[in-house]
Amino acid sequence: MPEISRFYGIRVMMFFDEHNPPHFHVEYNEYNAVIRIADLAITEGKLPPKAAGLIVEWALAHKDELIRDWELAQNDQQPDKIEPLK
């Protein structure tokens, strides 16, 4: 599972050839979540509120890149790295 970004202990990843809807995976300490790109809702798992807020802030700033990475991963191509939240 390619890592596309990492910041503040949060790891963001996308699997190759995943099921719809477009989404990404997040790991933070012992927490795991799946985030839908369209509305940034957590569809599986959970995150602490602060980590969830950081992910939403990051994803809003990089939504177009997330969609492009989704399309790459769906075609079994390496998704691009996305700049971390600073």
Protein backbone atom coordinates (compact mmCIF):
# COMPACT_ATOMS: atom_id res chain seq x y z
CA MET A 1 0.00 0.00 0.00
CA PRO A 2 1.77 3.15 -1.16
CA GLU A 3 2.22 5.91 1.37
CA ILE A 4 1.23 9.23 -0.18
CA SER A 5 1.88 11.52 2.80
CA ARG A 6 3.01 11.57 6.42
CA PHE A 7 2.71 14.36 8.99
CA TYR A 8 2.34 14.74 12.77
CA GLY A 9 2.52 10.97 13.18
CA ILE A 10 -0.32 10.44 10.67
CA ARG A 11 0.32 8.13 7.73
CA VAL A 12 -1.86 8.49 4.59
CA MET A 13 -2.01 5.62 2.06
CA MET A 14 -3.85 4.33 -1.00
CA PHE A 15 -4.20 0.76 -2.15
CA PHE A 16 -3.88 -0.24 -5.79
CA ASP A 17 -7.09 -1.21 -7.65
CA GLU A 18 -9.42 -0.50 -4.70
CA HIS A 19 -13.22 -0.56 -4.55
CA ASN A 20 -15.29 2.58 -5.04
CA PRO A 21 -16.05 5.16 -3.75
CA PRO A 22 -12.67 6.90 -3.99
CA HIS A 23 -10.99 6.92 -0.58
CA PHE A 24 -7.71 6.83 1.29
CA HIS A 25 -6.46 5.04 4.38
CA VAL A 26 -5.10 6.68 7.52
CA GLU A 27 -3.02 5.25 10.35
CA TYR A 28 -2.38 7.20 13.55
CA ASN A 29 -0.90 5.34 16.52
CA GLU A 30 -3.31 2.47 17.18
CA TYR A 31 -6.10 4.05 15.09
CA ASN A 32 -7.01 3.18 11.50
CA ALA A 33 -9.61 4.81 9.30
CA VAL A 34 -10.85 4.94 5.73
CA ILE A 35 -11.76 8.43 4.48
CA ARG A 36 -14.04 9.02 1.48
CA ILE A 37 -12.54 11.71 -0.78
CA ALA A 38 -15.85 13.25 -1.91
CA ASP A 39 -16.99 14.45 1.52
CA LEU A 40 -14.05 13.47 3.77
CA ALA A 41 -16.28 11.27 5.91
CA ILE A 42 -14.78 8.41 7.89
CA THR A 43 -16.40 5.31 6.41
CA GLU A 44 -14.49 2.69 8.43
CA GLY A 45 -12.58 2.79 11.69
CA LYS A 46 -12.03 5.88 13.79
CA LEU A 47 -9.53 8.61 14.61
CA PRO A 48 -9.13 10.87 17.62
CA PRO A 49 -10.81 14.26 17.01
CA LYS A 50 -7.54 16.18 16.69
CA ALA A 51 -6.10 13.74 14.11
CA ALA A 52 -9.42 13.72 12.21
CA GLY A 53 -9.35 17.52 12.09
CA LEU A 54 -5.78 17.54 10.76
CA ILE A 55 -6.70 15.01 8.07
CA VAL A 56 -9.69 17.07 6.96
CA GLU A 57 -7.57 20.24 6.82
CA TRP A 58 -4.90 18.44 4.77
CA ALA A 59 -7.38 16.71 2.45
CA LEU A 60 -9.30 19.92 1.72
CA ALA A 61 -6.04 21.55 0.61
CA HIS A 62 -5.11 18.57 -1.59
CA LYS A 63 -8.46 17.24 -2.89
CA ASP A 64 -7.49 17.47 -6.57
CA GLU A 65 -4.23 15.62 -5.88
CA LEU A 66 -6.10 12.92 -3.96
CA ILE A 67 -8.46 12.39 -6.89
CA ARG A 68 -5.51 12.19 -9.29
CA ASP A 69 -3.75 9.71 -7.01
CA TRP A 70 -6.93 7.62 -6.81
CA GLU A 71 -7.04 7.42 -10.61
CA LEU A 72 -3.36 6.43 -10.76
CA ALA A 73 -3.80 3.72 -8.13
CA GLN A 74 -6.89 2.39 -9.93
CA ASN A 75 -4.70 1.91 -13.00
CA ASP A 76 -2.03 0.10 -10.95
CA GLN A 77 0.29 3.11 -11.21
CA GLN A 78 2.27 4.53 -8.32
CA PRO A 79 0.35 7.45 -6.76
CA ASP A 80 2.29 10.68 -6.33
CA LYS A 81 3.46 11.90 -2.96
CA ILE A 82 1.39 14.75 -1.58
CA GLU A 83 2.93 17.53 0.50
CA PRO A 84 2.33 17.05 4.22
CA LEU A 85 0.43 19.46 6.43
CA LYS A 86 2.74 22.07 7.90
